[in-house]
Amino acid sequence: MKRLAMLLLAAALLLSAAACQPTPGEEFVVNKKDSGVAAKLEKEADAEARGAQRVPDRWDEVYESDLMTLTFSAPIVQKEDGLYPLYRTRSNPLTEAEMVNCLSALFPDPVAVRQNLPTKADIQREMEWYMNEAQAKLDWQDAGRPDDGVDRDETPLSREEVNQELANYQELIQNAPETNEESPANAYHIPTGQEGILVYRMKSGDTVIVNPSWNGSLYAGLGSNHTHVYPRYEYEEMKRFDDEDTLPYTPVTADQKKCEQVAKDALAKLGIEGMTLVATEEANLMDGRMCLSGGYECLFVRDFGGYPYLGSNFEPAQGLTYGSDDSFMANQYIRPEELRLFADEEGVKLISFDAPKMIVGIESKNIELLPFEKAQERIRQGLVYGLTKWAQDVKQNEPDLKLNVEIYRIGLTSYTLHAPNSDDYYEMPCYAVFFDPWQRPDSSRNDKTTMQETLLINAVDGSIVHTDYGY
């Protein structure tokens, strides 16, 4: 059976990655979005899938370095079938006409519109606040950085940096609108690529918030500037970290089947064909801390025929739950064309059409992963490399205290890698490592003063994809 060129590249990268622990001065392989990894992939459409690839279910270890202690007490969540295909995808963004069609069908007859952008006065106030803060820090530096009881960022600040920032503010003020007053609107107009959300007032008196994105996705719904849909599981995670414990969640009394039918009828009204309802989640539509409506969030995806919907690969069943403290900014699963509608029995209240992708090929039915022992070493090195500067600062301020890092969950998931000089992307397997970087002897991970951070390691070649520190 042929080997993917990816595997050759992985071997080369591993030879260059020192088996010994890296020091801050050494170069550590960091896999940027335009990495050459994807460029080396060769299509092998008829390759037979190798057997299931499994890693241990847990990693329990205490690893000591000079500056920190890494405590691994982590379940390793992974795909149930142990198979890791490598898909090639391409962005398929919505056009302005498609966005307008969605809005016109679901929220007809807007009578006025305003665009919420910072006004000249807003930016002026922000600039004045920055000037006061910067001047106080410059004065503190000139006085020899005395201990005056003020909690400051101790990163040095120069007058040149302040002057440049003020010049940036002046440019923003020059281009900002005087006001955000409403103007009459006979039809929707979506200026794609423009910053600032649009607020449309309807004949009914309701407002529709429209947030078009530069990458061709659409988010629009009833409410104010802070309208969000909170599924039940996301709300529960948020509530854990809410000091006042006042997040509202109205029990959903709407009938699920009726809400699903409302969403399906809306899909038909949009004229979108070939999409399948794959998930329904009890949810509240909230405006800040006020619940506007209780209903269901219905997720539709396009049927790609031979290519499966991949959401189930890395969704909550594998323990990586969007909206929780374990969520991550990179794609946790391939999202082909995806549409979310929040509906109650009366109608659709929110639409989210998120930067759809189309799957354009499969590079490997089951790409060979880095042996787990080597992946472990790369994860240890990645944590030490990323946290060394912080650990040095801890040592300098408290010589008897070591930086303690608790690694509490690891997921074998996926991320998106851009193919250089191409419109294509690859969905690569990776290890998502969730950790707390500051553990004093008397603290625990449930302490709200601790932090949850993420390291992503390419599961094929061991390079760093992302970390919350240092890259």
Protein backbone atom coordinates (compact mmCIF):
# COMPACT_ATOMS: atom_id res chain seq x y z
CA MET A 1 0.00 0.00 0.00
CA LYS A 2 1.28 3.40 -0.87
CA ARG A 3 2.35 5.78 1.83
CA LEU A 4 1.16 9.35 1.91
CA ALA A 5 3.83 11.92 1.42
CA MET A 6 2.52 13.35 4.68
CA LEU A 7 4.15 10.48 6.52
CA LEU A 8 7.52 11.24 4.96
CA LEU A 9 7.20 14.83 6.02
CA ALA A 10 6.17 13.76 9.51
CA ALA A 11 9.31 11.65 9.80
CA ALA A 12 11.47 14.56 8.68
CA LEU A 13 9.87 16.86 11.20
CA LEU A 14 10.38 14.34 13.97
CA LEU A 15 14.08 14.03 13.16
CA SER A 16 14.41 17.79 13.38
CA ALA A 17 12.43 17.97 16.61
CA ALA A 18 14.95 17.36 19.37
CA ALA A 19 14.06 14.44 21.55
CA CYS A 20 15.53 16.33 24.45
CA GLN A 21 13.53 19.00 26.20
CA PRO A 22 13.72 22.34 24.35
CA THR A 23 15.08 25.42 26.04
CA PRO A 24 13.70 28.91 25.38
CA GLY A 25 16.53 29.55 22.97
CA GLU A 26 15.87 26.47 20.84
CA GLU A 27 13.57 26.44 17.87
CA PHE A 28 10.40 24.41 18.34
CA VAL A 29 8.37 23.32 15.33
CA VAL A 30 5.28 25.50 15.14
CA ASN A 31 2.75 24.55 12.51
CA LYS A 32 1.35 27.81 11.14
CA LYS A 33 -1.77 28.01 9.01
CA ASP A 34 0.28 28.10 5.83
CA SER A 35 2.52 25.22 6.87
CA GLY A 36 4.11 23.09 4.20
CA VAL A 37 2.46 20.00 5.68
CA ALA A 38 -0.64 20.26 3.53
CA ALA A 39 1.35 21.01 0.41
CA LYS A 40 3.05 17.61 0.69
CA LEU A 41 -0.16 15.63 0.78
CA GLU A 42 -0.87 13.50 -2.25
CA LYS A 43 -4.28 12.11 -3.07
CA GLU A 44 -4.69 8.41 -2.46
CA ALA A 45 -8.41 7.97 -3.06
CA ASP A 46 -8.31 4.18 -3.44
CA ALA A 47 -6.19 3.51 -0.37
CA GLU A 48 -7.56 0.89 1.96
CA ALA A 49 -8.26 2.13 5.47
CA ARG A 50 -5.70 0.79 7.92
CA GLY A 51 -6.98 -0.69 11.15
CA ALA A 52 -8.38 1.33 13.99
CA GLN A 53 -5.80 3.50 15.74
CA ARG A 54 -6.24 3.68 19.48
CA VAL A 55 -4.43 5.55 22.21
CA PRO A 56 -4.80 4.91 25.96
CA ASP A 57 -7.99 6.12 27.63
CA ARG A 58 -6.04 8.04 30.28
CA TRP A 59 -2.69 9.69 30.86
CA ASP A 60 -1.56 9.79 34.49
CA GLU A 61 1.94 11.09 35.07
CA VAL A 62 3.89 13.66 37.06
CA TYR A 63 6.64 15.17 34.88
CA GLU A 64 9.27 17.37 36.52
CA SER A 65 11.36 19.96 34.72
CA ASP A 66 13.67 22.59 36.18
CA LEU A 67 11.02 25.29 36.24
CA MET A 68 7.68 23.51 36.41
CA THR A 69 5.77 20.40 37.33
CA LEU A 70 3.37 18.94 34.77
CA THR A 71 0.67 16.80 36.38
CA PHE A 72 -1.20 14.71 33.82
CA SER A 73 -4.49 13.44 35.23
CA ALA A 74 -6.42 13.41 32.01
CA PRO A 75 -8.93 11.22 30.23
CA ILE A 76 -8.08 10.99 26.53
CA VAL A 77 -11.25 11.36 24.49
CA GLN A 78 -11.13 9.97 20.98
CA LYS A 79 -13.23 8.67 18.13
CA GLU A 80 -15.13 5.52 18.90
CA ASP A 81 -14.12 3.78 15.65
CA GLY A 82 -10.46 4.84 15.90
CA LEU A 83 -10.38 5.96 12.26
CA TYR A 84 -9.02 9.38 11.21
CA PRO A 85 -9.80 10.35 7.63
CA LEU A 86 -8.17 13.39 6.09
CA TYR A 87 -10.60 15.56 4.13
CA ARG A 88 -9.92 18.42 1.75
CA THR A 89 -12.44 21.24 2.01
CA ARG A 90 -13.04 24.60 0.41
CA SER A 91 -14.82 27.70 1.63
CA ASN A 92 -18.25 28.25 0.14
CA PRO A 93 -19.29 31.64 1.58
CA LEU A 94 -22.71 33.19 1.29
CA THR A 95 -23.15 35.99 -1.22
CA GLU A 96 -24.88 39.24 -0.34
CA ALA A 97 -27.87 38.13 -2.42
CA GLU A 98 -28.15 34.88 -0.43
CA MET A 99 -28.01 36.79 2.85
CA VAL A 100 -30.68 39.21 1.71
CA ASN A 101 -32.86 36.30 0.60
CA CYS A 102 -32.63 34.74 4.07
CA LEU A 103 -33.58 37.97 5.81
CA SER A 104 -36.39 38.84 3.42
CA ALA A 105 -37.97 35.41 3.86
CA LEU A 106 -37.75 35.21 7.65
CA PHE A 107 -37.97 38.86 8.73
CA PRO A 108 -39.92 40.76 6.03
CA ASP A 109 -40.64 44.48 5.70
CA PRO A 110 -37.96 46.47 7.55
CA VAL A 111 -38.91 50.13 7.90
CA ALA A 112 -35.69 51.63 9.27
CA VAL A 113 -32.04 50.71 9.71
CA ARG A 114 -28.99 51.89 11.59
CA GLN A 115 -25.45 50.59 11.59
CA ASN A 116 -23.92 50.22 15.00
CA LEU A 117 -20.40 51.55 14.64
CA PRO A 118 -18.41 53.53 17.22
CA THR A 119 -19.11 57.22 16.69
CA LYS A 120 -16.51 59.99 16.76
CA ALA A 121 -17.54 60.78 20.34
CA ASP A 122 -17.22 57.12 21.39
CA ILE A 123 -13.67 56.86 20.04
CA GLN A 124 -12.74 60.25 21.51
CA ARG A 125 -13.77 59.04 24.98
CA GLU A 126 -11.79 55.85 24.55
CA MET A 127 -8.74 57.82 23.40
CA GLU A 128 -8.94 60.10 26.45
CA TRP A 129 -9.12 57.06 28.74
CA TYR A 130 -6.05 55.58 27.04
CA MET A 131 -4.14 58.86 27.36
CA ASN A 132 -4.79 59.00 31.11
CA GLU A 133 -3.75 55.36 31.62
CA ALA A 134 -0.64 55.69 29.45
CA GLN A 135 0.48 58.95 31.08
CA ALA A 136 0.10 57.42 34.54
CA LYS A 137 2.27 54.50 33.52
CA LEU A 138 4.92 56.72 31.93
CA ASP A 139 5.06 58.83 35.11
CA TRP A 140 5.38 55.63 37.17
CA GLN A 141 8.25 54.42 34.98
CA ASP A 142 10.01 57.82 35.19
CA ALA A 143 9.70 57.65 39.01
CA GLY A 144 11.58 54.34 39.08
CA ARG A 145 8.53 52.01 39.14
CA PRO A 146 7.72 52.46 42.87
CA ASP A 147 5.34 50.09 44.68
CA ASP A 148 2.29 52.38 44.82
CA GLY A 149 -0.32 49.67 45.34
CA VAL A 150 -1.67 49.94 41.78
CA ASP A 151 -2.01 46.71 39.78
CA ARG A 152 -0.24 47.51 36.48
CA ASP A 153 1.01 45.62 33.47
CA GLU A 154 4.76 45.86 33.94
CA THR A 155 5.59 45.57 30.24
CA PRO A 156 7.71 48.65 29.43
CA LEU A 157 5.86 51.43 27.57
CA SER A 158 7.63 54.04 25.45
CA ARG A 159 6.43 57.51 24.48
CA GLU A 160 6.84 56.51 20.83
CA GLU A 161 4.34 53.69 21.34
CA VAL A 162 1.90 56.08 22.99
CA ASN A 163 2.22 58.59 20.16
CA GLN A 164 1.61 55.86 17.58
CA GLU A 165 -1.48 54.67 19.41
CA LEU A 166 -2.83 58.22 19.60
CA ALA A 167 -2.26 58.60 15.86
CA ASN A 168 -4.25 55.40 15.33
CA TYR A 169 -7.10 56.80 17.40
CA GLN A 170 -7.07 60.03 15.38
CA GLU A 171 -7.38 58.06 12.16
CA LEU A 172 -10.32 56.11 13.59
CA ILE A 173 -12.02 59.33 14.66
CA GLN A 174 -11.60 60.80 11.20
CA ASN A 175 -13.34 57.82 9.57
CA ALA A 176 -16.03 57.25 12.22
CA PRO A 177 -19.69 58.35 11.75
CA GLU A 178 -21.04 61.33 13.67
CA THR A 179 -24.11 59.40 14.86
CA ASN A 180 -25.84 56.05 14.53
CA GLU A 181 -29.25 57.48 13.72
CA GLU A 182 -31.90 55.43 11.98
CA SER A 183 -32.62 55.99 8.32
CA PRO A 184 -35.59 54.71 6.27
CA ALA A 185 -35.22 51.27 4.68
CA ASN A 186 -37.45 49.76 2.04
CA ALA A 187 -35.39 46.59 1.68
CA TYR A 188 -32.43 44.85 3.20
CA HIS A 189 -28.94 45.80 2.18
CA ILE A 190 -26.01 43.82 3.59
CA PRO A 191 -22.62 45.51 3.15
CA THR A 192 -20.51 42.36 3.43
CA GLY A 193 -16.99 42.87 4.70
CA GLN A 194 -17.94 45.98 6.65
CA GLU A 195 -17.46 46.16 10.39
CA GLY A 196 -20.39 46.93 12.63
CA ILE A 197 -23.71 45.18 12.99
CA LEU A 198 -26.90 46.36 11.33
CA VAL A 199 -30.09 46.96 13.32
CA TYR A 200 -33.35 46.86 11.36
CA ARG A 201 -36.66 48.02 12.84
CA MET A 202 -39.69 46.12 11.59
CA LYS A 203 -43.31 47.18 11.11
CA SER A 204 -44.16 45.14 14.19
CA GLY A 205 -41.80 47.27 16.29
CA ASP A 206 -39.35 44.38 16.74
CA THR A 207 -35.70 44.87 15.89
CA VAL A 208 -33.65 42.41 13.90
CA ILE A 209 -29.92 42.35 14.57
CA VAL A 210 -27.87 41.40 11.51
CA ASN A 211 -24.19 40.54 11.81
CA PRO A 212 -22.76 39.74 8.37
CA SER A 213 -19.17 38.61 8.39
CA TRP A 214 -16.23 39.23 6.08
CA ASN A 215 -15.98 35.47 5.49
CA GLY A 216 -19.52 35.17 4.16
CA SER A 217 -21.49 34.00 7.18
CA LEU A 218 -24.72 35.44 8.54
CA TYR A 219 -26.08 35.80 12.07
CA ALA A 220 -29.43 37.55 12.48
CA GLY A 221 -32.20 37.49 15.06
CA LEU A 222 -34.66 39.38 17.21
CA GLY A 223 -33.32 41.37 20.13
CA SER A 224 -30.57 43.84 20.94
CA ASN A 225 -26.87 43.94 20.24
CA HIS A 226 -26.22 41.06 22.63
CA THR A 227 -28.70 38.50 21.33
CA HIS A 228 -27.47 34.93 21.72
CA VAL A 229 -28.89 31.44 21.76
CA TYR A 230 -27.84 29.41 24.76
CA PRO A 231 -28.38 25.64 24.50
CA ARG A 232 -29.00 23.89 27.80
CA TYR A 233 -25.49 22.41 28.13
CA GLU A 234 -23.82 25.74 27.32
CA TYR A 235 -25.94 27.56 29.87
CA GLU A 236 -25.00 25.06 32.58
CA GLU A 237 -21.29 25.59 31.87
CA MET A 238 -21.67 29.37 31.91
CA LYS A 239 -23.58 29.26 35.17
CA ARG A 240 -20.67 27.49 36.87
CA PHE A 241 -18.55 30.61 36.40
CA ASP A 242 -21.26 33.22 37.05
CA ASP A 243 -20.50 34.81 40.42
CA GLU A 244 -24.04 36.04 41.10
CA ASP A 245 -25.60 32.84 39.80
CA THR A 246 -28.29 34.90 38.09
CA LEU A 247 -28.16 33.66 34.50
CA PRO A 248 -31.79 33.09 33.54
CA TYR A 249 -32.92 29.93 31.87
CA THR A 250 -36.65 29.59 31.31
CA PRO A 251 -37.85 26.00 31.11
CA VAL A 252 -38.80 25.31 27.51
CA THR A 253 -42.50 24.46 27.35
CA ALA A 254 -42.78 24.54 23.55
CA ASP A 255 -43.42 21.27 21.78
CA GLN A 256 -40.21 20.02 20.14
CA LYS A 257 -41.90 18.46 17.12
CA LYS A 258 -43.85 21.66 16.40
CA CYS A 259 -40.68 23.75 16.68
CA GLU A 260 -38.84 21.40 14.33
CA GLN A 261 -41.68 21.71 11.83
CA VAL A 262 -41.52 25.51 12.07
CA ALA A 263 -37.79 25.30 11.28
CA LYS A 264 -38.37 22.91 8.36
CA ASP A 265 -41.06 25.20 6.94
CA ALA A 266 -38.65 28.14 7.19
CA LEU A 267 -36.00 26.14 5.34
CA ALA A 268 -38.48 25.49 2.54
CA LYS A 269 -39.36 29.19 2.47
CA LEU A 270 -35.68 30.00 2.01
CA GLY A 271 -35.60 27.74 -1.03
CA ILE A 272 -32.68 25.73 0.34
CA GLU A 273 -32.68 22.10 -0.75
CA GLY A 274 -30.56 19.11 0.18
CA MET A 275 -30.18 19.95 3.88
CA THR A 276 -30.98 17.48 6.65
CA LEU A 277 -31.97 18.15 10.26
CA VAL A 278 -29.27 16.42 12.32
CA ALA A 279 -29.66 17.86 15.83
CA THR A 280 -32.25 19.66 17.95
CA GLU A 281 -31.21 21.33 21.20
CA GLU A 282 -33.45 22.85 23.86
CA ALA A 283 -32.39 26.48 24.13
CA ASN A 284 -33.24 29.99 25.25
CA LEU A 285 -32.91 33.09 23.11
CA MET A 286 -31.42 35.65 25.48
CA ASP A 287 -30.76 39.36 25.30
CA GLY A 288 -28.01 39.95 27.81
CA ARG A 289 -29.53 38.48 30.99
CA MET A 290 -33.16 38.69 29.80
CA CYS A 291 -34.73 35.62 28.22
CA LEU A 292 -36.66 36.61 25.09
CA SER A 293 -37.97 33.20 24.13
CA GLY A 294 -37.70 29.50 24.91
CA GLY A 295 -37.61 27.03 22.06
CA TYR A 296 -35.28 24.76 20.14
CA GLU A 297 -32.14 25.29 18.11
CA CYS A 298 -32.34 23.13 14.99
CA LEU A 299 -29.13 22.26 13.12
CA PHE A 300 -29.32 21.49 9.40
CA VAL A 301 -26.41 20.31 7.25
CA ARG A 302 -26.14 19.63 3.55
CA ASP A 303 -26.19 16.04 2.39
CA PHE A 304 -22.89 15.44 0.63
CA GLY A 305 -23.76 11.95 -0.51
CA GLY A 306 -20.62 9.84 -0.14
CA TYR A 307 -19.06 12.20 2.41
CA PRO A 308 -20.53 11.85 5.90
CA TYR A 309 -21.53 14.67 8.19
CA LEU A 310 -18.58 14.69 10.58
CA GLY A 311 -20.05 16.49 13.55
CA SER A 312 -20.56 13.26 15.46
CA ASN A 313 -16.81 12.53 15.28
CA PHE A 314 -15.78 15.23 17.72
CA GLU A 315 -19.01 16.44 19.31
CA PRO A 316 -20.03 16.18 22.99
CA ALA A 317 -19.99 12.35 22.94
CA GLN A 318 -16.21 12.69 22.83
CA GLY A 319 -16.22 15.29 25.60
CA LEU A 320 -15.31 18.43 23.63
CA THR A 321 -18.38 20.57 24.16
CA TYR A 322 -18.77 23.90 22.42
CA GLY A 323 -19.44 26.68 24.90
CA SER A 324 -17.85 24.96 27.87
CA ASP A 325 -14.53 25.79 29.47
CA ASP A 326 -13.10 23.09 27.18
CA SER A 327 -14.14 24.74 23.91
CA PHE A 328 -11.48 25.78 21.42
CA MET A 329 -11.31 28.42 18.72
CA ALA A 330 -10.29 26.03 15.94
CA ASN A 331 -12.86 23.84 14.23
CA GLN A 332 -13.50 20.76 16.34
CA TYR A 333 -15.13 19.05 13.40
CA ILE A 334 -15.63 19.64 9.72
CA ARG A 335 -18.56 21.91 9.15
CA PRO A 336 -19.85 21.49 5.63
CA GLU A 337 -22.79 23.75 4.81
CA GLU A 338 -24.44 24.38 8.15
CA LEU A 339 -27.58 26.28 9.07
CA ARG A 340 -28.94 26.81 12.59
CA LEU A 341 -32.46 28.08 13.18
CA PHE A 342 -33.82 28.97 16.60
CA ALA A 343 -37.60 28.42 16.57
CA ASP A 344 -40.51 28.37 18.95
CA GLU A 345 -44.06 27.41 18.01
CA GLU A 346 -44.74 30.91 16.64
CA GLY A 347 -41.87 31.13 14.19
CA VAL A 348 -38.13 31.47 13.61
CA LYS A 349 -36.46 34.01 15.90
CA LEU A 350 -32.84 33.63 14.82
CA ILE A 351 -30.81 32.32 11.88
CA SER A 352 -27.13 31.42 11.89
CA PHE A 353 -25.62 30.49 8.52
CA ASP A 354 -21.99 29.92 9.38
CA ALA A 355 -19.20 30.26 6.77
CA PRO A 356 -20.12 27.04 5.00
CA LYS A 357 -17.57 24.63 3.59
CA MET A 358 -17.85 22.04 0.90
CA ILE A 359 -15.88 18.81 1.00
CA VAL A 360 -13.97 18.51 -2.28
CA GLY A 361 -11.90 15.39 -1.69
CA ILE A 362 -10.53 12.78 0.64
CA GLU A 363 -6.76 12.50 0.99
CA SER A 364 -6.66 9.48 3.27
CA LYS A 365 -9.35 7.21 4.63
CA ASN A 366 -7.34 6.80 7.83
CA ILE A 367 -4.15 8.80 8.06
CA GLU A 368 -1.41 7.25 10.18
CA LEU A 369 -0.97 9.03 13.51
CA LEU A 370 2.27 9.71 15.31
CA PRO A 371 3.00 6.87 17.79
CA PHE A 372 1.45 7.89 21.09
CA GLU A 373 4.75 7.75 23.00
CA LYS A 374 6.19 10.35 20.61
CA ALA A 375 3.02 12.42 20.81
CA GLN A 376 3.37 12.43 24.61
CA GLU A 377 6.91 13.76 24.34
CA ARG A 378 5.83 16.51 21.95
CA ILE A 379 3.01 17.52 24.31
CA ARG A 380 5.43 17.69 27.26
CA GLN A 381 7.87 19.74 25.18
CA GLY A 382 5.11 22.03 23.92
CA LEU A 383 3.90 22.81 27.44
CA VAL A 384 7.42 23.42 28.76
CA TYR A 385 8.36 25.52 25.73
CA GLY A 386 5.24 27.64 25.94
CA LEU A 387 5.30 28.23 29.70
CA THR A 388 9.03 28.69 30.34
CA LYS A 389 8.93 32.51 30.34
CA TRP A 390 6.07 32.56 32.81
CA ALA A 391 7.78 29.96 34.99
CA GLN A 392 10.91 32.12 35.02
CA ASP A 393 8.86 35.10 36.18
CA VAL A 394 7.30 32.99 38.95
CA LYS A 395 10.76 31.87 40.07
CA GLN A 396 12.06 35.41 40.08
CA ASN A 397 9.21 36.72 42.23
CA GLU A 398 8.86 33.64 44.46
CA PRO A 399 12.11 31.62 44.44
CA ASP A 400 10.64 28.74 46.46
CA LEU A 401 7.58 28.30 44.26
CA LYS A 402 7.48 26.19 41.10
CA LEU A 403 4.93 26.67 38.35
CA ASN A 404 2.46 23.82 38.66
CA VAL A 405 0.50 22.81 35.56
CA GLU A 406 -2.48 20.46 35.71
CA ILE A 407 -3.40 18.76 32.45
CA TYR A 408 -7.00 17.68 32.99
CA ARG A 409 -8.32 16.61 29.57
CA ILE A 410 -6.92 15.60 26.19
CA GLY A 411 -9.00 15.17 23.05
CA LEU A 412 -7.98 13.59 19.77
CA THR A 413 -9.92 16.00 17.57
CA SER A 414 -9.31 18.00 14.36
CA TYR A 415 -8.29 21.45 13.14
CA THR A 416 -8.23 23.25 9.83
CA LEU A 417 -4.94 23.70 7.97
CA HIS A 418 -4.68 25.99 4.95
CA ALA A 419 -2.98 24.63 1.85
CA PRO A 420 -0.46 27.23 0.61
CA ASN A 421 -1.22 28.95 -2.70
CA SER A 422 -4.61 27.27 -2.80
CA ASP A 423 -8.25 27.80 -1.91
CA ASP A 424 -8.28 24.40 -0.22
CA TYR A 425 -8.04 23.46 3.44
CA TYR A 426 -7.25 20.17 5.14
CA GLU A 427 -9.00 18.85 8.22
CA MET A 428 -6.10 17.42 10.24
CA PRO A 429 -6.23 15.25 13.37
CA CYS A 430 -4.67 16.85 16.43
CA TYR A 431 -4.40 16.53 20.19
CA ALA A 432 -6.27 19.24 22.06
CA VAL A 433 -4.61 19.50 25.48
CA PHE A 434 -6.58 21.40 28.13
CA PHE A 435 -4.60 22.57 31.15
CA ASP A 436 -4.44 24.93 34.12
CA PRO A 437 -1.07 26.71 34.16
CA TRP A 438 -1.23 28.10 37.70
CA GLN A 439 -1.78 25.62 40.51
CA ARG A 440 -0.71 26.65 43.98
CA PRO A 441 -0.58 23.88 46.60
CA ASP A 442 -3.81 25.15 48.21
CA SER A 443 -5.81 25.61 44.98
CA SER A 444 -7.82 23.34 42.72
CA ARG A 445 -9.00 23.51 39.11
CA ASN A 446 -12.53 24.36 40.27
CA ASP A 447 -11.20 27.47 41.96
CA LYS A 448 -12.47 30.42 39.88
CA THR A 449 -9.07 32.11 40.14
CA THR A 450 -7.44 29.36 38.10
CA MET A 451 -7.38 29.33 34.30
CA GLN A 452 -8.17 26.87 31.56
CA GLU A 453 -5.85 27.03 28.57
CA THR A 454 -5.27 25.03 25.42
CA LEU A 455 -2.36 23.50 23.50
CA LEU A 456 -2.93 21.89 20.09
CA ILE A 457 -0.41 19.42 18.70
CA ASN A 458 -0.63 18.01 15.16
CA ALA A 459 -1.34 14.30 15.68
CA VAL A 460 0.53 13.36 12.49
CA ASP A 461 3.84 15.21 12.76
CA GLY A 462 3.89 16.52 16.34
CA SER A 463 4.19 20.21 15.45
CA ILE A 464 2.49 22.91 17.51
CA VAL A 465 -0.73 24.14 15.96
CA HIS A 466 -1.77 26.55 18.70
CA THR A 467 -1.12 27.40 22.31
CA ASP A 468 -2.37 30.19 24.52
CA TYR A 469 1.22 31.17 25.32
CA GLY A 470 4.15 32.43 23.36
CA TYR A 471 3.69 31.77 19.65
